Amino acid sequence: MELIWFALASYGMTQILCYGKFFDAVRPDYYLFHCSMCMGFWVGGFLFGINGLTELFSFDYNLTNFLICGWSSSAISYAMCSIFNDNGFQISVNSHGGN
C-alpha cells in the first residue's frame, strides 16, 4: 500500500510542479521544470526526504533508497503523464482509412 501512496503522491506533485497554472508565473524556463521524467526524480527524492513526517510511506534513510525513490517517481510520473492529460486518457485513433 505504501508504494501506491508514493506513486500517487509523486505523480500528483510532479503534475502540479510541471503543468499547474498556479506555478506559471514563477516556474523557470528550464527543461527540468517542464519534463515529468526529470522533475519526477527530484519529487521522489523530496518525498523520500520527508517520509519520516508522514504515515503514508516510510523508507529507511540511505542513499540507495533515495535513488530508488527518485527513479521510481521518475518512471511513474513519465508513464502516468503519457497515459493521462487534462482531458483524461490520451487515446490515439488511427485516422488512415485502410484495413
C-alpha atoms as a PDB file:
ATOM      1  CA  MET A   1       0.000   0.000   0.000  1.00  0.00           C
ATOM      2  CA  GLU A   2       2.941   2.317   0.676  1.00  0.00           C
ATOM      3  CA  LEU A   3       4.035   2.044  -2.952  1.00  0.00           C
ATOM      4  CA  ILE A   4       0.577   3.084  -4.162  1.00  0.00           C
ATOM      5  CA  TRP A   5       0.580   6.173  -1.912  1.00  0.00           C
ATOM      6  CA  PHE A   6       4.114   7.008  -3.002  1.00  0.00           C
ATOM      7  CA  ALA A   7       3.154   6.627  -6.687  1.00  0.00           C
ATOM      8  CA  LEU A   8       0.054   8.827  -6.345  1.00  0.00           C
ATOM      9  CA  ALA A   9       1.916  11.482  -4.370  1.00  0.00           C
ATOM     10  CA  SER A  10       4.847  11.587  -6.775  1.00  0.00           C
ATOM     11  CA  TYR A  11       2.617  11.755  -9.862  1.00  0.00           C
ATOM     12  CA  GLY A  12       0.380  14.436  -8.362  1.00  0.00           C
ATOM     13  CA  MET A  13       3.230  16.600  -7.146  1.00  0.00           C
ATOM     14  CA  THR A  14       5.085  16.280 -10.466  1.00  0.00           C
ATOM     15  CA  GLN A  15       1.947  17.252 -12.387  1.00  0.00           C
ATOM     16  CA  ILE A  16       1.404  20.329 -10.245  1.00  0.00           C
ATOM     17  CA  LEU A  17       5.028  21.457 -10.455  1.00  0.00           C
ATOM     18  CA  CYS A  18       5.408  20.886 -14.211  1.00  0.00           C
ATOM     19  CA  TYR A  19       1.991  21.799 -15.558  1.00  0.00           C
ATOM     20  CA  GLY A  20      -0.059  23.539 -12.850  1.00  0.00           C
ATOM     21  CA  LYS A  21      -1.310  27.019 -13.718  1.00  0.00           C
ATOM     22  CA  PHE A  22      -0.592  28.086 -10.146  1.00  0.00           C
ATOM     23  CA  PHE A  23       3.168  27.976 -10.809  1.00  0.00           C
ATOM     24  CA  ASP A  24       3.132  29.526 -14.318  1.00  0.00           C
ATOM     25  CA  ALA A  25       4.317  32.915 -13.063  1.00  0.00           C
ATOM     26  CA  VAL A  26       7.233  31.552 -11.028  1.00  0.00           C
ATOM     27  CA  ARG A  27       8.211  28.396 -12.962  1.00  0.00           C
ATOM     28  CA  PRO A  28      11.666  28.839 -14.515  1.00  0.00           C
ATOM     29  CA  ASP A  29      12.014  28.211 -18.226  1.00  0.00           C
ATOM     30  CA  TYR A  30      14.491  25.364 -17.708  1.00  0.00           C
ATOM     31  CA  TYR A  31      13.900  21.929 -19.199  1.00  0.00           C
ATOM     32  CA  LEU A  32      13.823  20.363 -15.729  1.00  0.00           C
ATOM     33  CA  PHE A  33      10.648  22.257 -14.855  1.00  0.00           C
ATOM     34  CA  HIS A  34       8.804  21.108 -17.991  1.00  0.00           C
ATOM     35  CA  CYS A  35       9.842  17.448 -18.055  1.00  0.00           C
ATOM     36  CA  SER A  36       7.817  14.987 -15.983  1.00  0.00           C
ATOM     37  CA  MET A  37      10.654  12.455 -16.007  1.00  0.00           C
ATOM     38  CA  CYS A  38      13.268  14.954 -14.772  1.00  0.00           C
ATOM     39  CA  MET A  39      11.043  16.621 -12.206  1.00  0.00           C
ATOM     40  CA  GLY A  40       9.726  13.212 -11.148  1.00  0.00           C
ATOM     41  CA  PHE A  41      13.187  12.163  -9.986  1.00  0.00           C
ATOM     42  CA  TRP A  42      13.547  15.195  -7.726  1.00  0.00           C
ATOM     43  CA  VAL A  43       9.991  14.834  -6.447  1.00  0.00           C
ATOM     44  CA  GLY A  44      10.846  11.244  -5.485  1.00  0.00           C
ATOM     45  CA  GLY A  45      13.926  12.499  -3.669  1.00  0.00           C
ATOM     46  CA  PHE A  46      11.859  15.135  -1.872  1.00  0.00           C
ATOM     47  CA  LEU A  47       9.211  12.599  -0.836  1.00  0.00           C
ATOM     48  CA  PHE A  48      11.973  10.302   0.390  1.00  0.00           C
ATOM     49  CA  GLY A  49      13.341  13.195   2.449  1.00  0.00           C
ATOM     50  CA  ILE A  50      10.018  13.915   4.151  1.00  0.00           C
ATOM     51  CA  ASN A  51       8.879  10.314   4.567  1.00  0.00           C
ATOM     52  CA  GLY A  52       9.595  10.485   8.306  1.00  0.00           C
ATOM     53  CA  LEU A  53       6.960  13.222   8.598  1.00  0.00           C
ATOM     54  CA  THR A  54       4.135  11.163   7.106  1.00  0.00           C
ATOM     55  CA  GLU A  55       2.423   7.884   7.891  1.00  0.00           C
ATOM     56  CA  LEU A  56       1.622   7.137   4.240  1.00  0.00           C
ATOM     57  CA  PHE A  57       5.009   5.608   3.468  1.00  0.00           C
ATOM     58  CA  SER A  58       8.253   5.041   5.305  1.00  0.00           C
ATOM     59  CA  PHE A  59      11.642   4.182   3.883  1.00  0.00           C
ATOM     60  CA  ASP A  60      14.958   3.807   5.683  1.00  0.00           C
ATOM     61  CA  TYR A  61      17.165   6.850   5.179  1.00  0.00           C
ATOM     62  CA  ASN A  62      20.077   5.761   2.985  1.00  0.00           C
ATOM     63  CA  LEU A  63      21.494   6.626  -0.433  1.00  0.00           C
ATOM     64  CA  THR A  64      20.140   3.500  -2.098  1.00  0.00           C
ATOM     65  CA  ASN A  65      16.553   4.234  -1.057  1.00  0.00           C
ATOM     66  CA  PHE A  66      16.949   7.870  -2.146  1.00  0.00           C
ATOM     67  CA  LEU A  67      17.967   6.743  -5.633  1.00  0.00           C
ATOM     68  CA  ILE A  68      15.258   4.082  -5.836  1.00  0.00           C
ATOM     69  CA  CYS A  69      12.591   6.614  -4.787  1.00  0.00           C
ATOM     70  CA  GLY A  70      13.871   9.079  -7.382  1.00  0.00           C
ATOM     71  CA  TRP A  71      13.990   6.521 -10.159  1.00  0.00           C
ATOM     72  CA  SER A  72      10.584   5.095  -9.259  1.00  0.00           C
ATOM     73  CA  SER A  73       8.989   8.511  -9.107  1.00  0.00           C
ATOM     74  CA  SER A  74      10.543   9.452 -12.442  1.00  0.00           C
ATOM     75  CA  ALA A  75       9.218   6.305 -14.136  1.00  0.00           C
ATOM     76  CA  ILE A  76       5.776   6.604 -12.544  1.00  0.00           C
ATOM     77  CA  SER A  77       5.443  10.281 -13.430  1.00  0.00           C
ATOM     78  CA  TYR A  78       6.559   9.747 -17.024  1.00  0.00           C
ATOM     79  CA  ALA A  79       4.256   6.766 -17.531  1.00  0.00           C
ATOM     80  CA  MET A  80       1.237   8.477 -15.987  1.00  0.00           C
ATOM     81  CA  CYS A  81       1.824  11.675 -17.978  1.00  0.00           C
ATOM     82  CA  SER A  82       1.985   9.539 -21.126  1.00  0.00           C
ATOM     83  CA  ILE A  83      -1.344   7.898 -20.299  1.00  0.00           C
ATOM     84  CA  PHE A  84      -3.329  10.841 -18.907  1.00  0.00           C
ATOM     85  CA  ASN A  85      -3.686  14.523 -19.800  1.00  0.00           C
ATOM     86  CA  ASP A  86      -6.086  17.287 -18.729  1.00  0.00           C
ATOM     87  CA  ASN A  87      -8.901  15.656 -20.724  1.00  0.00           C
ATOM     88  CA  GLY A  88      -8.465  12.159 -19.265  1.00  0.00           C
ATOM     89  CA  PHE A  89      -6.980   9.245 -21.192  1.00  0.00           C
ATOM     90  CA  GLN A  90      -4.764  10.118 -24.145  1.00  0.00           C
ATOM     91  CA  ILE A  91      -6.230   7.925 -26.853  1.00  0.00           C
ATOM     92  CA  SER A  92      -4.751   7.906 -30.325  1.00  0.00           C
ATOM     93  CA  VAL A  93      -7.048   6.885 -33.130  1.00  0.00           C
ATOM     94  CA  ASN A  94      -5.579   5.828 -36.450  1.00  0.00           C
ATOM     95  CA  SER A  95      -7.281   8.119 -38.941  1.00  0.00           C
ATOM     96  CA  HIS A  96      -5.919   6.314 -42.021  1.00  0.00           C
ATOM     97  CA  GLY A  97      -8.802   4.733 -43.891  1.00  0.00           C
ATOM     98  CA  GLY A  98      -7.005   1.447 -44.618  1.00  0.00           C
ATOM     99  CA  ASN A  99      -7.792  -2.062 -43.430  1.00  0.00           C
END
